[in-house]
Amino acid sequence: MRYLPFAQIIVSVLLVAAILLQRQGTGLSGVFGGEGNAYRTKRGFEKMLFIGTIILAVLFVALGIANVVIH
């Protein structure tokens, strides 16, 4: 199908945007005085964004596999 690469590009752009919108507070920020509460509950928009990121990642992989199988 001719539309699979375009769908994969759209999903990849949405996946990058979803990843960039997520909260920054991990890594070495706790060492330099940043927030150290890594264990907390996701609520509201943050939870929706987290689940949406997982869905987009699964969709991206599925489209990639479908693209390889069909072509």
Protein backbone atom coordinates (compact mmCIF):
# COMPACT_ATOMS: atom_id res chain seq x y z
CA MET A 1 0.00 0.00 0.00
CA ARG A 2 1.20 3.47 -0.81
CA TYR A 3 -0.22 5.06 2.35
CA LEU A 4 1.74 3.08 4.95
CA PRO A 5 4.90 5.23 4.82
CA PHE A 6 2.85 8.42 5.13
CA ALA A 7 0.91 7.00 8.07
CA GLN A 8 4.18 5.99 9.70
CA ILE A 9 5.59 9.50 9.26
CA ILE A 10 2.49 11.05 10.82
CA VAL A 11 2.57 8.62 13.75
CA SER A 12 6.30 9.26 14.25
CA VAL A 13 5.77 13.04 14.41
CA LEU A 14 2.95 12.57 16.92
CA LEU A 15 5.13 10.19 18.95
CA VAL A 16 7.99 12.68 19.09
CA ALA A 17 5.58 15.43 20.16
CA ALA A 18 4.08 13.22 22.87
CA ILE A 19 7.53 12.33 24.21
CA LEU A 20 8.64 15.97 24.25
CA LEU A 21 5.46 17.06 26.06
CA GLN A 22 6.09 14.69 28.95
CA ARG A 23 7.47 16.09 32.15
CA GLN A 24 11.22 16.51 32.51
CA GLY A 25 12.37 15.47 35.96
CA THR A 26 14.28 12.27 35.58
CA GLY A 27 17.92 11.44 35.16
CA LEU A 28 20.55 13.33 37.11
CA SER A 29 18.33 16.26 38.12
CA GLY A 30 18.02 14.89 41.66
CA VAL A 31 21.79 15.01 42.06
CA PHE A 32 21.94 18.71 41.26
CA GLY A 33 19.01 19.79 43.42
CA GLY A 34 16.09 18.96 41.17
CA GLU A 35 12.96 17.16 42.25
CA GLY A 36 13.56 13.66 43.49
CA ASN A 37 10.00 12.34 43.72
CA ALA A 38 10.20 9.70 41.03
CA TYR A 39 7.47 7.58 42.61
CA ARG A 40 4.17 9.36 42.24
CA THR A 41 0.82 8.75 40.59
CA LYS A 42 0.10 10.11 37.14
CA ARG A 43 -3.23 11.95 36.96
CA GLY A 44 -5.29 13.77 34.40
CA PHE A 45 -3.54 14.99 31.28
CA GLU A 46 -0.22 13.46 32.33
CA LYS A 47 -1.79 9.98 32.51
CA MET A 48 -3.59 10.46 29.20
CA LEU A 49 -0.34 11.60 27.57
CA PHE A 50 1.53 8.60 29.01
CA ILE A 51 -1.03 6.10 27.72
CA GLY A 52 -1.21 7.90 24.37
CA THR A 53 2.57 7.66 24.04
CA ILE A 54 2.43 3.90 24.59
CA ILE A 55 -0.36 3.55 22.02
CA LEU A 56 1.55 5.64 19.47
CA ALA A 57 4.72 3.59 20.03
CA VAL A 58 2.86 0.31 19.49
CA LEU A 59 1.16 1.74 16.40
CA PHE A 60 4.52 2.95 15.04
CA VAL A 61 6.08 -0.50 15.44
CA ALA A 62 3.01 -2.19 13.91
CA LEU A 63 3.11 0.13 10.90
CA GLY A 64 6.84 -0.53 10.49
CA ILE A 65 6.32 -4.29 10.53
CA ALA A 66 3.37 -4.01 8.13
CA ASN A 67 5.48 -1.86 5.82
CA VAL A 68 8.26 -4.45 5.76
CA VAL A 69 5.90 -7.38 5.22
CA ILE A 70 3.95 -5.75 2.41
CA HIS A 71 6.94 -4.33 0.54
